[in-house]
PDB file of N, CA and C in Angstrom:
ATOM      1  N   UNK A   1       1.179  -1.153  -0.087  1.00  0.00           N
ATOM      2  CA  UNK A   1       0.105  -0.158  -0.044  1.00  0.00           C
ATOM      3  C   UNK A   1       1.375   1.390  -0.308  1.00  0.00           C
ATOM      4  N   UNK A   2       0.571   1.851  -1.212  1.00  0.00           N
ATOM      5  CA  UNK A   2       1.684   3.539  -0.737  1.00  0.00           C
ATOM      6  C   UNK A   2       1.461   3.678   0.862  1.00  0.00           C
ATOM      7  N   UNK A   3       2.460   4.995   1.005  1.00  0.00           N
ATOM      8  CA  UNK A   3       1.666   5.931   1.740  1.00  0.00           C
ATOM      9  C   UNK A   3       2.656   7.212   0.644  1.00  0.00           C
ATOM     10  N   UNK A   4       1.973   8.321   1.869  1.00  0.00           N
ATOM     11  CA  UNK A   4       2.526   9.540   1.103  1.00  0.00           C
ATOM     12  C   UNK A   4       2.202  10.619   2.410  1.00  0.00           C
ATOM     13  N   UNK A   5       2.602  12.136   1.880  1.00  0.00           N
ATOM     14  CA  UNK A   5       2.096  12.603   2.948  1.00  0.00           C
ATOM     15  C   UNK A   5       0.829  13.741   2.494  1.00  0.00           C
ATOM     16  N   UNK A   6       0.277  14.519   3.393  1.00  0.00           N
ATOM     17  CA  UNK A   6      -1.105  15.287   2.993  1.00  0.00           C
ATOM     18  C   UNK A   6       0.220  16.366   2.646  1.00  0.00           C
ATOM     19  N   UNK A   7      -0.059  17.054   1.389  1.00  0.00           N
ATOM     20  CA  UNK A   7       0.234  18.467   0.938  1.00  0.00           C
ATOM     21  C   UNK A   7      -0.694  19.521   1.378  1.00  0.00           C
ATOM     22  N   UNK A   8      -1.918  19.195   1.225  1.00  0.00           N
ATOM     23  CA  UNK A   8      -2.690  19.830   1.720  1.00  0.00           C
ATOM     24  C   UNK A   8      -4.810  19.452   1.163  1.00  0.00           C
ATOM     25  N   UNK A   9      -5.333  20.053   2.181  1.00  0.00           N
ATOM     26  CA  UNK A   9      -7.153  19.612   2.229  1.00  0.00           C
ATOM     27  C   UNK A   9      -7.613  20.306   2.304  1.00  0.00           C
ATOM     28  N   UNK A  10      -8.520  20.990   1.672  1.00  0.00           N
ATOM     29  CA  UNK A  10      -9.231  22.077   1.785  1.00  0.00           C
ATOM     30  C   UNK A  10     -10.532  21.403   2.327  1.00  0.00           C
ATOM     31  N   UNK A  11     -10.424  21.531   3.478  1.00  0.00           N
ATOM     32  CA  UNK A  11     -11.941  20.837   4.691  1.00  0.00           C
ATOM     33  C   UNK A  11     -12.892  21.203   4.415  1.00  0.00           C
ATOM     34  N   UNK A  12     -13.018  22.566   3.684  1.00  0.00           N
ATOM     35  CA  UNK A  12     -14.743  23.224   3.153  1.00  0.00           C
ATOM     36  C   UNK A  12     -15.370  22.990   1.961  1.00  0.00           C
ATOM     37  N   UNK A  13     -13.778  22.468   1.197  1.00  0.00           N
ATOM     38  CA  UNK A  13     -14.586  22.439   0.065  1.00  0.00           C
ATOM     39  C   UNK A  13     -14.107  20.494  -0.524  1.00  0.00           C
ATOM     40  N   UNK A  14     -13.507  20.067   0.679  1.00  0.00           N
ATOM     41  CA  UNK A  14     -13.364  18.138   0.422  1.00  0.00           C
ATOM     42  C   UNK A  14     -12.098  17.814  -0.192  1.00  0.00           C
ATOM     43  N   UNK A  15     -11.581  18.143  -0.768  1.00  0.00           N
ATOM     44  CA  UNK A  15     -10.209  17.457  -1.991  1.00  0.00           C
ATOM     45  C   UNK A  15      -9.061  18.326  -1.377  1.00  0.00           C
ATOM     46  N   UNK A  16      -8.205  17.740  -1.390  1.00  0.00           N
ATOM     47  CA  UNK A  16      -6.800  18.124  -1.754  1.00  0.00           C
ATOM     48  C   UNK A  16      -5.837  17.294  -2.249  1.00  0.00           C
ATOM     49  N   UNK A  17      -4.514  17.132  -1.989  1.00  0.00           N
ATOM     50  CA  UNK A  17      -3.464  16.347  -3.054  1.00  0.00           C
ATOM     51  C   UNK A  17      -2.984  15.811  -1.158  1.00  0.00           C
ATOM     52  N   UNK A  18      -1.821  14.117  -2.137  1.00  0.00           N
ATOM     53  CA  UNK A  18      -1.036  13.416  -1.311  1.00  0.00           C
ATOM     54  C   UNK A  18      -0.118  13.876  -2.541  1.00  0.00           C
ATOM     55  N   UNK A  19       0.929  13.390  -1.686  1.00  0.00           N
ATOM     56  CA  UNK A  19       2.427  13.578  -2.427  1.00  0.00           C
ATOM     57  C   UNK A  19       3.078  11.832  -1.375  1.00  0.00           C
ATOM     58  N   UNK A  20       3.160  11.581  -3.186  1.00  0.00           N
ATOM     59  CA  UNK A  20       3.985   9.795  -2.499  1.00  0.00           C
ATOM     60  C   UNK A  20       4.908   9.973  -2.656  1.00  0.00           C
ATOM     61  N   UNK A  21       5.538   8.954  -1.515  1.00  0.00           N
ATOM     62  CA  UNK A  21       6.995   8.725  -0.827  1.00  0.00           C
ATOM     63  C   UNK A  21       7.684   8.352  -1.615  1.00  0.00           C
ATOM     64  N   UNK A  22       7.322   7.568  -2.862  1.00  0.00           N
ATOM     65  CA  UNK A  22       8.008   6.776  -3.594  1.00  0.00           C
ATOM     66  C   UNK A  22       8.337   7.499  -4.873  1.00  0.00           C
ATOM     67  N   UNK A  23       7.214   7.755  -5.416  1.00  0.00           N
ATOM     68  CA  UNK A  23       7.233   8.829  -6.797  1.00  0.00           C
ATOM     69  C   UNK A  23       7.667  10.006  -6.646  1.00  0.00           C
ATOM     70  N   UNK A  24       7.164  10.607  -5.313  1.00  0.00           N
ATOM     71  CA  UNK A  24       6.771  11.441  -5.381  1.00  0.00           C
ATOM     72  C   UNK A  24       5.639  12.840  -6.554  1.00  0.00           C
ATOM     73  N   UNK A  25       4.693  11.710  -6.700  1.00  0.00           N
ATOM     74  CA  UNK A  25       3.739  12.546  -7.589  1.00  0.00           C
ATOM     75  C   UNK A  25       2.593  13.106  -6.906  1.00  0.00           C
ATOM     76  N   UNK A  26       1.711  13.646  -6.887  1.00  0.00           N
ATOM     77  CA  UNK A  26       0.705  14.333  -6.716  1.00  0.00           C
ATOM     78  C   UNK A  26      -0.695  13.324  -6.525  1.00  0.00           C
ATOM     79  N   UNK A  27      -1.078  12.838  -5.745  1.00  0.00           N
ATOM     80  CA  UNK A  27      -2.377  12.001  -6.011  1.00  0.00           C
ATOM     81  C   UNK A  27      -3.648  13.042  -5.205  1.00  0.00           C
ATOM     82  N   UNK A  28      -5.071  13.218  -6.250  1.00  0.00           N
ATOM     83  CA  UNK A  28      -5.608  14.111  -5.329  1.00  0.00           C
ATOM     84  C   UNK A  28      -6.659  12.504  -4.726  1.00  0.00           C
ATOM     85  N   UNK A  29      -7.152  14.017  -3.251  1.00  0.00           N
ATOM     86  CA  UNK A  29      -8.061  12.440  -2.629  1.00  0.00           C
ATOM     87  C   UNK A  29      -9.197  13.654  -2.575  1.00  0.00           C
ATOM     88  N   UNK A  30     -10.206  13.347  -2.115  1.00  0.00           N
ATOM     89  CA  UNK A  30     -11.646  13.780  -2.477  1.00  0.00           C
ATOM     90  C   UNK A  30     -11.874  13.233  -0.876  1.00  0.00           C
ATOM     91  N   UNK A  31     -12.820  13.993  -0.105  1.00  0.00           N
ATOM     92  CA  UNK A  31     -13.494  13.502   0.966  1.00  0.00           C
ATOM     93  C   UNK A  31     -13.949  11.937   1.207  1.00  0.00           C
ATOM     94  N   UNK A  32     -14.617  11.902  -0.244  1.00  0.00           N
ATOM     95  CA  UNK A  32     -15.487  10.799   0.251  1.00  0.00           C
ATOM     96  C   UNK A  32     -14.312   9.580   0.389  1.00  0.00           C
ATOM     97  N   UNK A  33     -13.222   9.736   0.297  1.00  0.00           N
ATOM     98  CA  UNK A  33     -11.642   8.572  -0.161  1.00  0.00           C
ATOM     99  C   UNK A  33     -11.412   8.913   1.254  1.00  0.00           C
ATOM    100  N   UNK A  34     -11.608   8.915   2.347  1.00  0.00           N
ATOM    101  CA  UNK A  34     -11.336   9.320   3.697  1.00  0.00           C
ATOM    102  C   UNK A  34     -11.382   8.159   4.351  1.00  0.00           C
ATOM    103  N   UNK A  35     -10.815   7.778   5.259  1.00  0.00           N
ATOM    104  CA  UNK A  35     -11.178   7.361   6.399  1.00  0.00           C
ATOM    105  C   UNK A  35     -10.910   7.790   7.383  1.00  0.00           C
ATOM    106  N   UNK A  36     -10.099   9.030   7.404  1.00  0.00           N
ATOM    107  CA  UNK A  36      -9.757   9.061   9.049  1.00  0.00           C
ATOM    108  C   UNK A  36      -9.128  11.038   8.214  1.00  0.00           C
ATOM    109  N   UNK A  37      -9.563  11.570   9.204  1.00  0.00           N
ATOM    110  CA  UNK A  37      -9.638  12.621   8.416  1.00  0.00           C
ATOM    111  C   UNK A  37      -7.987  13.798   8.673  1.00  0.00           C
ATOM    112  N   UNK A  38      -8.019  13.727   7.218  1.00  0.00           N
ATOM    113  CA  UNK A  38      -6.326  14.428   7.420  1.00  0.00           C
ATOM    114  C   UNK A  38      -6.631  16.139   7.149  1.00  0.00           C
ATOM    115  N   UNK A  39      -5.208  16.942   7.360  1.00  0.00           N
ATOM    116  CA  UNK A  39      -4.721  17.901   7.250  1.00  0.00           C
ATOM    117  C   UNK A  39      -3.305  18.272   6.983  1.00  0.00           C
ATOM    118  N   UNK A  40      -2.760  19.238   6.348  1.00  0.00           N
ATOM    119  CA  UNK A  40      -1.783  18.911   6.161  1.00  0.00           C
ATOM    120  C   UNK A  40      -0.477  18.637   6.918  1.00  0.00           C
ATOM    121  N   UNK A  41       0.603  18.098   6.561  1.00  0.00           N
ATOM    122  CA  UNK A  41       1.337  17.492   7.324  1.00  0.00           C
ATOM    123  C   UNK A  41       1.635  16.231   7.708  1.00  0.00           C
ATOM    124  N   UNK A  42       0.125  15.252   7.618  1.00  0.00           N
ATOM    125  CA  UNK A  42      -0.367  14.236   7.852  1.00  0.00           C
ATOM    126  C   UNK A  42       0.186  13.308   7.113  1.00  0.00           C
ATOM    127  N   UNK A  43       0.928  12.505   7.362  1.00  0.00           N
ATOM    128  CA  UNK A  43       1.706  10.609   6.914  1.00  0.00           C
ATOM    129  C   UNK A  43       0.265  10.076   6.853  1.00  0.00           C
ATOM    130  N   UNK A  44       0.235   9.299   5.583  1.00  0.00           N
ATOM    131  CA  UNK A  44      -0.738   8.764   5.464  1.00  0.00           C
ATOM    132  C   UNK A  44      -0.978   7.306   4.394  1.00  0.00           C
ATOM    133  N   UNK A  45      -1.202   6.504   4.359  1.00  0.00           N
ATOM    134  CA  UNK A  45      -1.639   5.620   3.271  1.00  0.00           C
ATOM    135  C   UNK A  45      -2.959   5.440   3.121  1.00  0.00           C
ATOM    136  N   UNK A  46      -2.549   4.885   1.300  1.00  0.00           N
ATOM    137  CA  UNK A  46      -3.895   4.923   0.867  1.00  0.00           C
ATOM    138  C   UNK A  46      -4.031   3.995  -0.490  1.00  0.00           C
ATOM    139  N   UNK A  47      -4.731   4.006  -0.973  1.00  0.00           N
ATOM    140  CA  UNK A  47      -5.011   2.886  -2.458  1.00  0.00           C
ATOM    141  C   UNK A  47      -5.665   3.811  -3.587  1.00  0.00           C
ATOM    142  N   UNK A  48      -5.157   3.539  -4.597  1.00  0.00           N
ATOM    143  CA  UNK A  48      -4.912   4.634  -5.856  1.00  0.00           C
ATOM    144  C   UNK A  48      -5.633   4.157  -6.889  1.00  0.00           C
ATOM    145  N   UNK A  49      -6.786   4.603  -6.924  1.00  0.00           N
ATOM    146  CA  UNK A  49      -7.468   4.158  -8.851  1.00  0.00           C
ATOM    147  C   UNK A  49      -7.024   5.221  -9.594  1.00  0.00           C
ATOM    148  N   UNK A  50      -7.536   4.951 -10.692  1.00  0.00           N
ATOM    149  CA  UNK A  50      -7.581   5.328 -12.175  1.00  0.00           C
ATOM    150  C   UNK A  50      -8.839   6.389 -12.466  1.00  0.00           C
ATOM    151  N   UNK A  51      -9.297   7.117 -11.955  1.00  0.00           N
ATOM    152  CA  UNK A  51     -10.188   7.771 -13.177  1.00  0.00           C
ATOM    153  C   UNK A  51     -10.331   8.250 -14.511  1.00  0.00           C
ATOM    154  N   UNK A  52     -11.333   8.902 -14.951  1.00  0.00           N
ATOM    155  CA  UNK A  52     -11.211   9.948 -16.451  1.00  0.00           C
ATOM    156  C   UNK A  52      -9.785  10.719 -16.579  1.00  0.00           C
ATOM    157  N   UNK A  53      -9.561  12.005 -15.287  1.00  0.00           N
ATOM    158  CA  UNK A  53      -8.969  12.964 -14.925  1.00  0.00           C
ATOM    159  C   UNK A  53      -8.143  12.136 -13.695  1.00  0.00           C
ATOM    160  N   UNK A  54      -7.809  10.909 -13.686  1.00  0.00           N
ATOM    161  CA  UNK A  54      -6.008  10.877 -13.237  1.00  0.00           C
ATOM    162  C   UNK A  54      -6.271   9.484 -11.988  1.00  0.00           C
ATOM    163  N   UNK A  55      -5.267   9.586 -11.177  1.00  0.00           N
ATOM    164  CA  UNK A  55      -5.151   9.065 -10.005  1.00  0.00           C
ATOM    165  C   UNK A  55      -5.949   9.294  -8.754  1.00  0.00           C
ATOM    166  N   UNK A  56      -6.529   9.027  -7.824  1.00  0.00           N
ATOM    167  CA  UNK A  56      -7.548   9.271  -7.432  1.00  0.00           C
ATOM    168  C   UNK A  56      -6.661   8.593  -5.652  1.00  0.00           C
ATOM    169  N   UNK A  57      -6.881   9.041  -4.913  1.00  0.00           N
ATOM    170  CA  UNK A  57      -6.977   8.298  -3.402  1.00  0.00           C
ATOM    171  C   UNK A  57      -7.677   8.313  -3.075  1.00  0.00           C
ATOM    172  N   UNK A  58      -7.692   6.238  -2.299  1.00  0.00           N
ATOM    173  CA  UNK A  58      -8.844   6.152  -2.057  1.00  0.00           C
ATOM    174  C   UNK A  58      -8.836   5.177  -0.843  1.00  0.00           C
ATOM    175  N   UNK A  59      -9.746   5.164   0.733  1.00  0.00           N
ATOM    176  CA  UNK A  59      -9.056   4.373   1.724  1.00  0.00           C
ATOM    177  C   UNK A  59      -7.939   4.955   2.787  1.00  0.00           C
ATOM    178  N   UNK A  60      -7.776   6.723   2.573  1.00  0.00           N
ATOM    179  CA  UNK A  60      -6.979   7.465   3.713  1.00  0.00           C
ATOM    180  C   UNK A  60      -6.604   7.134   4.606  1.00  0.00           C
ATOM    181  N   UNK A  61      -6.027   6.844   5.455  1.00  0.00           N
ATOM    182  CA  UNK A  61      -5.735   6.802   6.619  1.00  0.00           C
ATOM    183  C   UNK A  61      -4.025   7.600   7.213  1.00  0.00           C
ATOM    184  N   UNK A  62      -4.428   8.203   8.120  1.00  0.00           N
ATOM    185  CA  UNK A  62      -3.419   8.087   8.637  1.00  0.00           C
ATOM    186  C   UNK A  62      -2.448   7.215   9.230  1.00  0.00           C
ATOM    187  N   UNK A  63      -0.854   7.280   9.258  1.00  0.00           N
ATOM    188  CA  UNK A  63       0.158   6.287   9.980  1.00  0.00           C
ATOM    189  C   UNK A  63      -0.034   6.606  11.580  1.00  0.00           C
TER     190      UNK A  63
END
């Protein structure tokens, strides 16, 4: 399971980005993909799914 750091998460809009620890790519995360509440700088594990707009994190939880 990939790990990363939350770059930012806008709670009022319900989305943000995670920086993957291995690839350093940004992965979009929507509030619907969260298991735990997250904020900037949180270390997380997640799974990735591809949609028409690119990579999207799901099952995001803090480490």
